C-alpha atoms as a PDB file:
ATOM      1  CA  UNK A   1       4.547 -37.311 -29.515  1.00  0.00           C
ATOM      2  CA  UNK A   2       6.801 -35.194 -31.710  1.00  0.00           C
ATOM      3  CA  UNK A   3       8.012 -31.839 -30.459  1.00  0.00           C
ATOM      4  CA  UNK A   4       7.162 -29.551 -33.365  1.00  0.00           C
ATOM      5  CA  UNK A   5       8.750 -26.514 -31.698  1.00  0.00           C
ATOM      6  CA  UNK A   6      12.035 -28.179 -30.835  1.00  0.00           C
ATOM      7  CA  UNK A   7      14.066 -26.712 -33.710  1.00  0.00           C
ATOM      8  CA  UNK A   8      12.920 -23.126 -33.116  1.00  0.00           C
ATOM      9  CA  UNK A   9      13.378 -23.490 -29.363  1.00  0.00           C
ATOM     10  CA  UNK A  10      16.914 -24.796 -29.678  1.00  0.00           C
ATOM     11  CA  UNK A  11      17.743 -22.036 -32.157  1.00  0.00           C
ATOM     12  CA  UNK A  12      16.466 -19.467 -29.633  1.00  0.00           C
ATOM     13  CA  UNK A  13      18.562 -21.054 -26.899  1.00  0.00           C
ATOM     14  CA  UNK A  14      21.721 -20.711 -28.986  1.00  0.00           C
ATOM     15  CA  UNK A  15      21.026 -17.125 -30.029  1.00  0.00           C
ATOM     16  CA  UNK A  16      20.007 -15.960 -26.536  1.00  0.00           C
ATOM     17  CA  UNK A  17      22.595 -17.829 -24.479  1.00  0.00           C
ATOM     18  CA  UNK A  18      25.151 -15.046 -24.686  1.00  0.00           C
ATOM     19  CA  UNK A  19      22.555 -12.473 -23.577  1.00  0.00           C
ATOM     20  CA  UNK A  20      21.695 -14.570 -20.534  1.00  0.00           C
ATOM     21  CA  UNK A  21      25.003 -14.612 -18.690  1.00  0.00           C
ATOM     22  CA  UNK A  22      24.596 -13.614 -15.028  1.00  0.00           C
ATOM     23  CA  UNK A  23      28.109 -14.092 -13.666  1.00  0.00           C
ATOM     24  CA  UNK A  24      28.491 -10.397 -12.821  1.00  0.00           C
ATOM     25  CA  UNK A  25      25.007 -10.049 -11.271  1.00  0.00           C
ATOM     26  CA  UNK A  26      24.476 -10.645  -7.550  1.00  0.00           C
ATOM     27  CA  UNK A  27      21.997 -13.397  -6.800  1.00  0.00           C
ATOM     28  CA  UNK A  28      19.104 -12.492  -4.517  1.00  0.00           C
ATOM     29  CA  UNK A  29      20.442 -13.352  -1.044  1.00  0.00           C
ATOM     30  CA  UNK A  30      17.039 -13.413   0.674  1.00  0.00           C
ATOM     31  CA  UNK A  31      15.930 -16.850  -0.494  1.00  0.00           C
ATOM     32  CA  UNK A  32      16.835 -20.492  -0.752  1.00  0.00           C
ATOM     33  CA  UNK A  33      15.766 -21.798  -4.169  1.00  0.00           C
ATOM     34  CA  UNK A  34      14.427 -25.335  -3.769  1.00  0.00           C
ATOM     35  CA  UNK A  35      13.600 -26.714  -7.244  1.00  0.00           C
ATOM     36  CA  UNK A  36      12.875 -30.307  -6.183  1.00  0.00           C
ATOM     37  CA  UNK A  37      10.092 -29.889  -3.657  1.00  0.00           C
ATOM     38  CA  UNK A  38       7.019 -28.861  -5.643  1.00  0.00           C
ATOM     39  CA  UNK A  39       5.200 -29.359  -8.899  1.00  0.00           C
ATOM     40  CA  UNK A  40       4.408 -26.288 -10.985  1.00  0.00           C
ATOM     41  CA  UNK A  41       1.691 -24.399  -9.121  1.00  0.00           C
ATOM     42  CA  UNK A  42      -1.729 -24.609 -10.749  1.00  0.00           C
ATOM     43  CA  UNK A  43      -4.107 -24.439  -7.828  1.00  0.00           C
ATOM     44  CA  UNK A  44      -2.067 -22.940  -4.982  1.00  0.00           C
ATOM     45  CA  UNK A  45      -4.353 -20.808  -2.852  1.00  0.00           C
ATOM     46  CA  UNK A  46      -3.150 -17.273  -2.183  1.00  0.00           C
ATOM     47  CA  UNK A  47      -6.193 -16.452  -0.061  1.00  0.00           C
ATOM     48  CA  UNK A  48      -5.709 -14.430   3.076  1.00  0.00           C
ATOM     49  CA  UNK A  49      -8.098 -12.903   5.590  1.00  0.00           C
ATOM     50  CA  UNK A  50      -7.232  -9.274   6.237  1.00  0.00           C
ATOM     51  CA  UNK A  51      -9.127  -6.550   8.154  1.00  0.00           C
ATOM     52  CA  UNK A  52     -11.990  -9.021   8.476  1.00  0.00           C
ATOM     53  CA  UNK A  53     -12.340  -9.646   4.737  1.00  0.00           C
ATOM     54  CA  UNK A  54     -11.205 -12.524   2.554  1.00  0.00           C
ATOM     55  CA  UNK A  55      -8.709 -11.612  -0.183  1.00  0.00           C
ATOM     56  CA  UNK A  56      -7.901 -13.916  -3.090  1.00  0.00           C
ATOM     57  CA  UNK A  57      -4.281 -12.763  -2.956  1.00  0.00           C
ATOM     58  CA  UNK A  58      -2.334 -10.759  -0.330  1.00  0.00           C
ATOM     59  CA  UNK A  59      -2.194  -7.546  -2.335  1.00  0.00           C
ATOM     60  CA  UNK A  60      -3.485  -4.037  -1.632  1.00  0.00           C
ATOM     61  CA  UNK A  61      -3.830  -1.038  -3.923  1.00  0.00           C
ATOM     62  CA  UNK A  62      -2.300   1.878  -2.049  1.00  0.00           C
ATOM     63  CA  UNK A  63      -4.087   5.202  -1.719  1.00  0.00           C
ATOM     64  CA  UNK A  64      -3.326   7.424  -4.674  1.00  0.00           C
ATOM     65  CA  UNK A  65      -5.513  10.062  -6.242  1.00  0.00           C
ATOM     66  CA  UNK A  66      -8.927  11.453  -7.115  1.00  0.00           C
ATOM     67  CA  UNK A  67     -10.543  14.636  -8.349  1.00  0.00           C
ATOM     68  CA  UNK A  68      -9.579  14.893 -12.013  1.00  0.00           C
ATOM     69  CA  UNK A  69     -10.867  13.291 -15.202  1.00  0.00           C
ATOM     70  CA  UNK A  70      -7.730  11.122 -15.471  1.00  0.00           C
ATOM     71  CA  UNK A  71      -7.963  10.112 -11.808  1.00  0.00           C
ATOM     72  CA  UNK A  72     -11.533   8.940 -12.376  1.00  0.00           C
ATOM     73  CA  UNK A  73     -10.388   6.594 -15.122  1.00  0.00           C
ATOM     74  CA  UNK A  74      -7.480   5.359 -13.001  1.00  0.00           C
ATOM     75  CA  UNK A  75      -9.637   4.700  -9.943  1.00  0.00           C
ATOM     76  CA  UNK A  76     -12.289   2.832 -11.912  1.00  0.00           C
ATOM     77  CA  UNK A  77      -9.664   0.649 -13.577  1.00  0.00           C
ATOM     78  CA  UNK A  78      -8.186  -0.121 -10.164  1.00  0.00           C
ATOM     79  CA  UNK A  79     -11.595  -0.917  -8.678  1.00  0.00           C
ATOM     80  CA  UNK A  80     -12.397  -3.237 -11.579  1.00  0.00           C
ATOM     81  CA  UNK A  81      -9.111  -5.052 -10.931  1.00  0.00           C
ATOM     82  CA  UNK A  82      -9.963  -5.401  -7.234  1.00  0.00           C
ATOM     83  CA  UNK A  83     -13.194  -7.112  -8.179  1.00  0.00           C
ATOM     84  CA  UNK A  84     -11.583  -9.452 -10.706  1.00  0.00           C
ATOM     85  CA  UNK A  85      -8.586 -10.471  -8.600  1.00  0.00           C
ATOM     86  CA  UNK A  86     -10.077 -10.254  -5.107  1.00  0.00           C
ATOM     87  CA  UNK A  87      -7.783  -7.597  -3.631  1.00  0.00           C
ATOM     88  CA  UNK A  88      -8.282  -4.574  -1.377  1.00  0.00           C
ATOM     89  CA  UNK A  89      -8.050  -0.856  -2.031  1.00  0.00           C
ATOM     90  CA  UNK A  90      -7.548   2.412  -0.221  1.00  0.00           C
ATOM     91  CA  UNK A  91      -8.782   5.596  -1.898  1.00  0.00           C
ATOM     92  CA  UNK A  92      -6.678   8.665  -2.384  1.00  0.00           C
ATOM     93  CA  UNK A  93      -7.485  11.656  -0.205  1.00  0.00           C
ATOM     94  CA  UNK A  94     -11.253  12.240  -0.020  1.00  0.00           C
ATOM     95  CA  UNK A  95     -10.822  15.729   1.436  1.00  0.00           C
ATOM     96  CA  UNK A  96     -12.668  17.379  -1.430  1.00  0.00           C
ATOM     97  CA  UNK A  97     -15.776  15.285  -0.786  1.00  0.00           C
ATOM     98  CA  UNK A  98     -16.122  16.896   2.635  1.00  0.00           C
ATOM     99  CA  UNK A  99     -17.058  20.121   0.847  1.00  0.00           C
ATOM    100  CA  UNK A 100     -18.711  19.199  -2.445  1.00  0.00           C
ATOM    101  CA  UNK A 101     -19.665  16.193  -4.578  1.00  0.00           C
ATOM    102  CA  UNK A 102     -18.328  17.410  -7.921  1.00  0.00           C
ATOM    103  CA  UNK A 103     -15.904  14.499  -8.159  1.00  0.00           C
ATOM    104  CA  UNK A 104     -17.927  11.983  -6.165  1.00  0.00           C
ATOM    105  CA  UNK A 105     -18.050   9.512  -9.052  1.00  0.00           C
ATOM    106  CA  UNK A 106     -14.233   9.329  -9.043  1.00  0.00           C
ATOM    107  CA  UNK A 107     -14.456   7.868  -5.542  1.00  0.00           C
ATOM    108  CA  UNK A 108     -17.754   5.983  -5.746  1.00  0.00           C
ATOM    109  CA  UNK A 109     -16.128   2.607  -6.303  1.00  0.00           C
ATOM    110  CA  UNK A 110     -18.004   0.221  -4.025  1.00  0.00           C
ATOM    111  CA  UNK A 111     -20.432  -0.714  -6.837  1.00  0.00           C
ATOM    112  CA  UNK A 112     -17.398  -1.631  -8.969  1.00  0.00           C
ATOM    113  CA  UNK A 113     -15.368  -3.417  -6.293  1.00  0.00           C
ATOM    114  CA  UNK A 114     -18.326  -5.345  -4.924  1.00  0.00           C
ATOM    115  CA  UNK A 115     -19.602  -5.747  -1.395  1.00  0.00           C
ATOM    116  CA  UNK A 116     -17.191  -8.394  -0.093  1.00  0.00           C
ATOM    117  CA  UNK A 117     -13.735  -6.820  -0.526  1.00  0.00           C
ATOM    118  CA  UNK A 118     -12.016  -4.255   1.735  1.00  0.00           C
ATOM    119  CA  UNK A 119     -12.463  -0.673   0.560  1.00  0.00           C
ATOM    120  CA  UNK A 120     -11.351   2.328   2.635  1.00  0.00           C
ATOM    121  CA  UNK A 121     -11.859   6.080   2.406  1.00  0.00           C
ATOM    122  CA  UNK A 122      -8.883   8.329   3.163  1.00  0.00           C
ATOM    123  CA  UNK A 123      -8.317  11.670   4.905  1.00  0.00           C
ATOM    124  CA  UNK A 124      -5.246  13.458   6.172  1.00  0.00           C
ATOM    125  CA  UNK A 125      -4.556  13.945   9.854  1.00  0.00           C
ATOM    126  CA  UNK A 126      -5.005  17.706   9.316  1.00  0.00           C
ATOM    127  CA  UNK A 127      -8.641  17.156   8.280  1.00  0.00           C
ATOM    128  CA  UNK A 128      -9.188  14.884  11.272  1.00  0.00           C
ATOM    129  CA  UNK A 129      -7.767  17.512  13.633  1.00  0.00           C
ATOM    130  CA  UNK A 130      -9.915  20.267  12.117  1.00  0.00           C
ATOM    131  CA  UNK A 131     -13.073  18.153  12.179  1.00  0.00           C
ATOM    132  CA  UNK A 132     -12.579  17.426  15.877  1.00  0.00           C
ATOM    133  CA  UNK A 133     -11.890  21.090  16.674  1.00  0.00           C
ATOM    134  CA  UNK A 134     -15.000  22.191  14.733  1.00  0.00           C
ATOM    135  CA  UNK A 135     -17.215  19.418  16.150  1.00  0.00           C
ATOM    136  CA  UNK A 136     -17.768  18.097  12.623  1.00  0.00           C
ATOM    137  CA  UNK A 137     -16.686  14.481  12.941  1.00  0.00           C
ATOM    138  CA  UNK A 138     -20.215  13.546  11.866  1.00  0.00           C
ATOM    139  CA  UNK A 139     -19.311  14.844   8.392  1.00  0.00           C
ATOM    140  CA  UNK A 140     -16.561  12.229   8.203  1.00  0.00           C
ATOM    141  CA  UNK A 141     -19.010   9.539   9.319  1.00  0.00           C
ATOM    142  CA  UNK A 142     -21.387  10.625   6.560  1.00  0.00           C
ATOM    143  CA  UNK A 143     -18.547  10.497   4.029  1.00  0.00           C
ATOM    144  CA  UNK A 144     -17.611   6.938   4.979  1.00  0.00           C
ATOM    145  CA  UNK A 145     -21.289   5.913   4.805  1.00  0.00           C
ATOM    146  CA  UNK A 146     -21.865   7.629   1.462  1.00  0.00           C
ATOM    147  CA  UNK A 147     -18.905   5.817  -0.081  1.00  0.00           C
ATOM    148  CA  UNK A 148     -20.053   2.507   1.465  1.00  0.00           C
ATOM    149  CA  UNK A 149     -16.476   2.194   2.724  1.00  0.00           C
ATOM    150  CA  UNK A 150     -15.448  -0.263   5.431  1.00  0.00           C
ATOM    151  CA  UNK A 151     -13.679   2.496   7.306  1.00  0.00           C
ATOM    152  CA  UNK A 152     -11.105   5.259   7.026  1.00  0.00           C
ATOM    153  CA  UNK A 153      -7.390   5.476   6.331  1.00  0.00           C
ATOM    154  CA  UNK A 154      -5.761   8.401   8.122  1.00  0.00           C
ATOM    155  CA  UNK A 155      -2.579   9.513   6.422  1.00  0.00           C
ATOM    156  CA  UNK A 156      -0.080  11.118   8.776  1.00  0.00           C
ATOM    157  CA  UNK A 157       2.109  13.509   6.808  1.00  0.00           C
ATOM    158  CA  UNK A 158       3.727  16.308   8.830  1.00  0.00           C
ATOM    159  CA  UNK A 159       6.669  16.646   6.455  1.00  0.00           C
ATOM    160  CA  UNK A 160       4.432  16.785   3.397  1.00  0.00           C
ATOM    161  CA  UNK A 161       2.144  19.412   4.936  1.00  0.00           C
ATOM    162  CA  UNK A 162       5.091  21.572   5.989  1.00  0.00           C
ATOM    163  CA  UNK A 163       6.598  21.501   2.497  1.00  0.00           C
ATOM    164  CA  UNK A 164       3.322  21.836   0.597  1.00  0.00           C
ATOM    165  CA  UNK A 165       2.808  25.413  -0.625  1.00  0.00           C
ATOM    166  CA  UNK A 166      -0.814  25.278   0.594  1.00  0.00           C
ATOM    167  CA  UNK A 167      -0.045  22.980   3.520  1.00  0.00           C
ATOM    168  CA  UNK A 168      -1.796  22.841   6.878  1.00  0.00           C
ATOM    169  CA  UNK A 169      -0.096  23.176  10.239  1.00  0.00           C
ATOM    170  CA  UNK A 170      -0.878  20.700  13.010  1.00  0.00           C
ATOM    171  CA  UNK A 171      -1.869  22.155  16.362  1.00  0.00           C
ATOM    172  CA  UNK A 172      -1.579  18.808  18.163  1.00  0.00           C
ATOM    173  CA  UNK A 173       0.633  15.741  17.870  1.00  0.00           C
ATOM    174  CA  UNK A 174      -0.960  13.341  15.349  1.00  0.00           C
ATOM    175  CA  UNK A 175      -1.024  10.571  17.974  1.00  0.00           C
ATOM    176  CA  UNK A 176      -3.222  12.703  20.219  1.00  0.00           C
ATOM    177  CA  UNK A 177      -5.559  13.488  17.314  1.00  0.00           C
ATOM    178  CA  UNK A 178      -5.867   9.808  16.363  1.00  0.00           C
ATOM    179  CA  UNK A 179      -6.650   8.834  19.959  1.00  0.00           C
ATOM    180  CA  UNK A 180      -9.390  11.480  20.126  1.00  0.00           C
ATOM    181  CA  UNK A 181     -10.839  10.373  16.797  1.00  0.00           C
ATOM    182  CA  UNK A 182     -10.996   6.707  17.790  1.00  0.00           C
ATOM    183  CA  UNK A 183     -13.154   7.684  20.750  1.00  0.00           C
ATOM    184  CA  UNK A 184     -15.613   9.433  18.442  1.00  0.00           C
ATOM    185  CA  UNK A 185     -16.156   6.845  15.682  1.00  0.00           C
ATOM    186  CA  UNK A 186     -17.154   3.196  15.525  1.00  0.00           C
ATOM    187  CA  UNK A 187     -15.782   2.223  12.107  1.00  0.00           C
ATOM    188  CA  UNK A 188     -12.366   0.619  11.433  1.00  0.00           C
ATOM    189  CA  UNK A 189      -9.342   2.914  11.088  1.00  0.00           C
ATOM    190  CA  UNK A 190      -6.028   2.348   9.319  1.00  0.00           C
ATOM    191  CA  UNK A 191      -3.081   4.719   9.837  1.00  0.00           C
ATOM    192  CA  UNK A 192      -0.398   5.248   7.202  1.00  0.00           C
ATOM    193  CA  UNK A 193       2.569   7.443   6.326  1.00  0.00           C
ATOM    194  CA  UNK A 194       3.124   8.862   2.849  1.00  0.00           C
ATOM    195  CA  UNK A 195       6.609   7.846   1.758  1.00  0.00           C
ATOM    196  CA  UNK A 196       9.048   8.325   4.627  1.00  0.00           C
ATOM    197  CA  UNK A 197       7.839   5.619   6.960  1.00  0.00           C
ATOM    198  CA  UNK A 198       7.738   5.719  10.756  1.00  0.00           C
ATOM    199  CA  UNK A 199      10.301   5.209  13.482  1.00  0.00           C
ATOM    200  CA  UNK A 200      10.147   2.752  16.393  1.00  0.00           C
ATOM    201  CA  UNK A 201       8.425   5.023  18.917  1.00  0.00           C
ATOM    202  CA  UNK A 202       5.647   5.989  16.496  1.00  0.00           C
ATOM    203  CA  UNK A 203       5.059   2.370  15.547  1.00  0.00           C
ATOM    204  CA  UNK A 204       5.069   1.265  19.164  1.00  0.00           C
ATOM    205  CA  UNK A 205       2.416   3.859  19.968  1.00  0.00           C
ATOM    206  CA  UNK A 206       0.220   2.831  17.017  1.00  0.00           C
ATOM    207  CA  UNK A 207       0.453  -0.861  17.859  1.00  0.00           C
ATOM    208  CA  UNK A 208      -1.167  -0.101  21.212  1.00  0.00           C
ATOM    209  CA  UNK A 209      -4.185   1.628  19.644  1.00  0.00           C
ATOM    210  CA  UNK A 210      -7.407  -0.151  18.604  1.00  0.00           C
ATOM    211  CA  UNK A 211      -6.821   0.431  14.887  1.00  0.00           C
ATOM    212  CA  UNK A 212      -7.240  -2.419  12.408  1.00  0.00           C
ATOM    213  CA  UNK A 213      -3.974  -1.971  10.524  1.00  0.00           C
ATOM    214  CA  UNK A 214      -0.844   0.098   9.992  1.00  0.00           C
ATOM    215  CA  UNK A 215       0.108   0.914   6.399  1.00  0.00           C
ATOM    216  CA  UNK A 216       3.858   1.533   6.362  1.00  0.00           C
ATOM    217  CA  UNK A 217       4.189   4.096   3.535  1.00  0.00           C
ATOM    218  CA  UNK A 218       7.900   3.430   3.920  1.00  0.00           C
ATOM    219  CA  UNK A 219      10.907   5.209   2.492  1.00  0.00           C
ATOM    220  CA  UNK A 220      11.884   3.888  -0.917  1.00  0.00           C
ATOM    221  CA  UNK A 221       8.799   4.437  -3.055  1.00  0.00           C
ATOM    222  CA  UNK A 222       6.856   7.559  -3.975  1.00  0.00           C
ATOM    223  CA  UNK A 223       7.646  10.235  -1.399  1.00  0.00           C
ATOM    224  CA  UNK A 224       4.848  12.805  -1.210  1.00  0.00           C
ATOM    225  CA  UNK A 225       7.035  15.209   0.732  1.00  0.00           C
ATOM    226  CA  UNK A 226       9.326  15.211  -2.303  1.00  0.00           C
ATOM    227  CA  UNK A 227       6.304  15.724  -4.560  1.00  0.00           C
ATOM    228  CA  UNK A 228       5.398  18.879  -2.628  1.00  0.00           C
ATOM    229  CA  UNK A 229       8.986  20.111  -2.591  1.00  0.00           C
ATOM    230  CA  UNK A 230       9.070  19.848  -6.374  1.00  0.00           C
ATOM    231  CA  UNK A 231       5.969  22.055  -6.458  1.00  0.00           C
ATOM    232  CA  UNK A 232       7.696  24.707  -4.348  1.00  0.00           C
ATOM    233  CA  UNK A 233      10.159  27.476  -5.153  1.00  0.00           C
ATOM    234  CA  UNK A 234      13.734  26.720  -6.157  1.00  0.00           C
ATOM    235  CA  UNK A 235      14.930  28.316  -2.920  1.00  0.00           C
ATOM    236  CA  UNK A 236      12.745  26.042  -0.791  1.00  0.00           C
ATOM    237  CA  UNK A 237      13.806  23.045  -2.849  1.00  0.00           C
ATOM    238  CA  UNK A 238      17.463  23.741  -2.125  1.00  0.00           C
ATOM    239  CA  UNK A 239      16.878  24.511   1.561  1.00  0.00           C
ATOM    240  CA  UNK A 240      14.891  21.384   2.417  1.00  0.00           C
ATOM    241  CA  UNK A 241      16.015  18.776  -0.114  1.00  0.00           C
ATOM    242  CA  UNK A 242      18.114  16.896   2.461  1.00  0.00           C
ATOM    243  CA  UNK A 243      14.961  16.136   4.445  1.00  0.00           C
ATOM    244  CA  UNK A 244      13.855  13.868   1.597  1.00  0.00           C
ATOM    245  CA  UNK A 245      16.507  11.357   2.588  1.00  0.00           C
ATOM    246  CA  UNK A 246      15.252  11.000   6.148  1.00  0.00           C
ATOM    247  CA  UNK A 247      12.971   8.061   6.870  1.00  0.00           C
ATOM    248  CA  UNK A 248      12.691   4.330   7.322  1.00  0.00           C
ATOM    249  CA  UNK A 249      12.530   1.527   4.765  1.00  0.00           C
ATOM    250  CA  UNK A 250      10.066  -1.347   4.867  1.00  0.00           C
ATOM    251  CA  UNK A 251      12.815  -3.585   6.258  1.00  0.00           C
ATOM    252  CA  UNK A 252      13.561  -1.028   8.991  1.00  0.00           C
ATOM    253  CA  UNK A 253       9.906  -0.893   9.939  1.00  0.00           C
ATOM    254  CA  UNK A 254       9.515  -4.663   9.980  1.00  0.00           C
ATOM    255  CA  UNK A 255      12.386  -4.822  12.467  1.00  0.00           C
ATOM    256  CA  UNK A 256      10.810  -2.064  14.569  1.00  0.00           C
ATOM    257  CA  UNK A 257       7.424  -3.831  14.609  1.00  0.00           C
ATOM    258  CA  UNK A 258       8.867  -7.244  15.469  1.00  0.00           C
ATOM    259  CA  UNK A 259      10.900  -5.729  18.301  1.00  0.00           C
ATOM    260  CA  UNK A 260       7.880  -3.811  19.575  1.00  0.00           C
ATOM    261  CA  UNK A 261       5.531  -6.791  19.702  1.00  0.00           C
ATOM    262  CA  UNK A 262       8.155  -8.762  21.612  1.00  0.00           C
ATOM    263  CA  UNK A 263       8.395  -5.917  24.108  1.00  0.00           C
ATOM    264  CA  UNK A 264       4.700  -5.073  24.366  1.00  0.00           C
ATOM    265  CA  UNK A 265       3.176  -8.545  24.451  1.00  0.00           C
ATOM    266  CA  UNK A 266      -0.537  -8.373  25.241  1.00  0.00           C
ATOM    267  CA  UNK A 267      -0.534  -4.576  24.954  1.00  0.00           C
ATOM    268  CA  UNK A 268      -0.507  -4.964  21.151  1.00  0.00           C
ATOM    269  CA  UNK A 269      -4.012  -4.157  19.897  1.00  0.00           C
ATOM    270  CA  UNK A 270      -3.254  -3.550  16.214  1.00  0.00           C
ATOM    271  CA  UNK A 271      -2.320  -6.892  14.696  1.00  0.00           C
ATOM    272  CA  UNK A 272      -2.282  -6.378  10.934  1.00  0.00           C
ATOM    273  CA  UNK A 273       0.177  -4.605   8.641  1.00  0.00           C
ATOM    274  CA  UNK A 274       0.145  -3.351   5.059  1.00  0.00           C
ATOM    275  CA  UNK A 275       3.763  -3.365   3.896  1.00  0.00           C
ATOM    276  CA  UNK A 276       4.124  -0.505   1.427  1.00  0.00           C
ATOM    277  CA  UNK A 277       6.831   1.832   0.216  1.00  0.00           C
ATOM    278  CA  UNK A 278       9.453   0.707  -2.267  1.00  0.00           C
ATOM    279  CA  UNK A 279       7.820  -2.664  -2.959  1.00  0.00           C
ATOM    280  CA  UNK A 280       9.095  -3.258  -6.469  1.00  0.00           C
ATOM    281  CA  UNK A 281       7.656  -6.691  -7.181  1.00  0.00           C
ATOM    282  CA  UNK A 282       6.174  -9.908  -5.796  1.00  0.00           C
ATOM    283  CA  UNK A 283       9.590 -11.049  -4.523  1.00  0.00           C
ATOM    284  CA  UNK A 284       9.714  -8.055  -2.179  1.00  0.00           C
ATOM    285  CA  UNK A 285       6.147  -8.653  -1.072  1.00  0.00           C
ATOM    286  CA  UNK A 286       6.691 -12.364  -0.459  1.00  0.00           C
ATOM    287  CA  UNK A 287       9.871 -11.732   1.524  1.00  0.00           C
ATOM    288  CA  UNK A 288       8.511  -8.950   3.713  1.00  0.00           C
ATOM    289  CA  UNK A 289       5.296 -10.803   4.565  1.00  0.00           C
ATOM    290  CA  UNK A 290       7.350 -13.769   5.754  1.00  0.00           C
ATOM    291  CA  UNK A 291       9.619 -11.559   7.855  1.00  0.00           C
ATOM    292  CA  UNK A 292       6.798  -9.863   9.776  1.00  0.00           C
ATOM    293  CA  UNK A 293       5.495 -11.459  12.946  1.00  0.00           C
ATOM    294  CA  UNK A 294       2.002 -10.049  12.388  1.00  0.00           C
ATOM    295  CA  UNK A 295      -0.605 -10.848   9.744  1.00  0.00           C
ATOM    296  CA  UNK A 296       0.358  -8.837   6.676  1.00  0.00           C
ATOM    297  CA  UNK A 297      -0.193  -8.145   3.013  1.00  0.00           C
ATOM    298  CA  UNK A 298       1.831  -5.947   0.679  1.00  0.00           C
ATOM    299  CA  UNK A 299       0.827  -2.882  -1.287  1.00  0.00           C
ATOM    300  CA  UNK A 300       1.919  -0.953  -4.323  1.00  0.00           C
ATOM    301  CA  UNK A 301       0.969   2.472  -5.593  1.00  0.00           C
ATOM    302  CA  UNK A 302       3.033   3.820  -8.472  1.00  0.00           C
ATOM    303  CA  UNK A 303       3.281   0.417 -10.174  1.00  0.00           C
ATOM    304  CA  UNK A 304      -0.510   0.201 -10.338  1.00  0.00           C
ATOM    305  CA  UNK A 305      -0.749   3.844 -11.373  1.00  0.00           C
ATOM    306  CA  UNK A 306       1.623   3.239 -14.277  1.00  0.00           C
ATOM    307  CA  UNK A 307      -0.656   0.639 -15.836  1.00  0.00           C
ATOM    308  CA  UNK A 308      -4.077   1.871 -14.697  1.00  0.00           C
ATOM    309  CA  UNK A 309      -3.701   5.190 -16.502  1.00  0.00           C
ATOM    310  CA  UNK A 310      -3.259   3.404 -19.827  1.00  0.00           C
ATOM    311  CA  UNK A 311      -5.664   0.516 -20.245  1.00  0.00           C
ATOM    312  CA  UNK A 312      -7.384  -2.054 -18.114  1.00  0.00           C
ATOM    313  CA  UNK A 313      -5.763  -4.865 -20.090  1.00  0.00           C
ATOM    314  CA  UNK A 314      -2.276  -3.608 -19.176  1.00  0.00           C
ATOM    315  CA  UNK A 315      -3.264  -3.400 -15.518  1.00  0.00           C
ATOM    316  CA  UNK A 316      -4.773  -6.890 -15.650  1.00  0.00           C
ATOM    317  CA  UNK A 317      -1.607  -8.345 -17.185  1.00  0.00           C
ATOM    318  CA  UNK A 318       0.490  -6.736 -14.454  1.00  0.00           C
ATOM    319  CA  UNK A 319      -1.632  -8.132 -11.616  1.00  0.00           C
ATOM    320  CA  UNK A 320      -1.609 -11.575 -13.227  1.00  0.00           C
ATOM    321  CA  UNK A 321       2.191 -11.435 -13.127  1.00  0.00           C
ATOM    322  CA  UNK A 322       2.052 -10.612  -9.398  1.00  0.00           C
ATOM    323  CA  UNK A 323      -0.338 -13.504  -8.753  1.00  0.00           C
ATOM    324  CA  UNK A 324       1.677 -16.034 -10.748  1.00  0.00           C
ATOM    325  CA  UNK A 325       4.933 -14.788  -9.245  1.00  0.00           C
ATOM    326  CA  UNK A 326       3.614 -15.240  -5.700  1.00  0.00           C
ATOM    327  CA  UNK A 327       2.528 -18.774  -6.580  1.00  0.00           C
ATOM    328  CA  UNK A 328       6.025 -19.563  -7.884  1.00  0.00           C
ATOM    329  CA  UNK A 329       7.565 -18.103  -4.738  1.00  0.00           C
ATOM    330  CA  UNK A 330       5.384 -20.314  -2.589  1.00  0.00           C
ATOM    331  CA  UNK A 331       6.384 -23.379  -4.573  1.00  0.00           C
ATOM    332  CA  UNK A 332      10.127 -22.913  -4.895  1.00  0.00           C
ATOM    333  CA  UNK A 333      11.470 -20.192  -2.582  1.00  0.00           C
ATOM    334  CA  UNK A 334      12.161 -20.449   1.126  1.00  0.00           C
ATOM    335  CA  UNK A 335      12.842 -17.211   2.990  1.00  0.00           C
ATOM    336  CA  UNK A 336      16.172 -17.259   4.835  1.00  0.00           C
END
């Protein structure tokens, strides 16, 4: 059979060869590239069971936003993608829904996602603390039920709240509040940070709680403390800017978790992890999932946001690249 594209292809090779030199670029040191051991992937399964649900690929849409016209479009695009690609999603903060339903449709995504995929509501630890103090935890239960969510993500964000112009102040350590809350509800709970990650003692404490997963929210991606600082006065920005460089990367947290489970043994009750924070692409996700000694998936926030605010087709193309990239990783890359 004749190769009708051969001439154009060879011409492209000649013209692009000089643009494709990589001698001054560091190769990725995390992998062995093994080109002889697999055919091109066409039917490699990326399925993974996570928080009791079957995903078609090990990807999670991180909690982002809700409550504006643009956020409604973004959330519905993201939910549609979850349904098409079989991935999970955490909502942005649902705090407003505790008080009124004006923006309920921005969050009402279960009909779009479908009944079989993981879908979690989201509240800050400040709202959890206040609900316990006011004996209003039933309002949170009603919220989770109304959204037909599997459970609740609690975001722990002391730095963000302190720097937020309208921020709350915690009266109790977040760990104490989470422990109280778990005794009052019977739905699954995930705990996450919001861009600075968590140190070894915090992770060790969470691993011993009956929560279904920890979402890293590691240093290296969107930092919501920095977001709030940028909303503050110039004086506050100057005074507290150095705090933005305190935190723990996903790699740090993987090391902390692996060390903790070796130390704790059977005391580990939480056995699933969402690796998030600074995950730039499928290579990062593939690597980190292989390095963790617990069942894990990876998550992105800003990357999804970038495409979801434009068109669904752009978002779809992006997720297809993640899926195909993970399949290629599985075929040809071995983690060192």
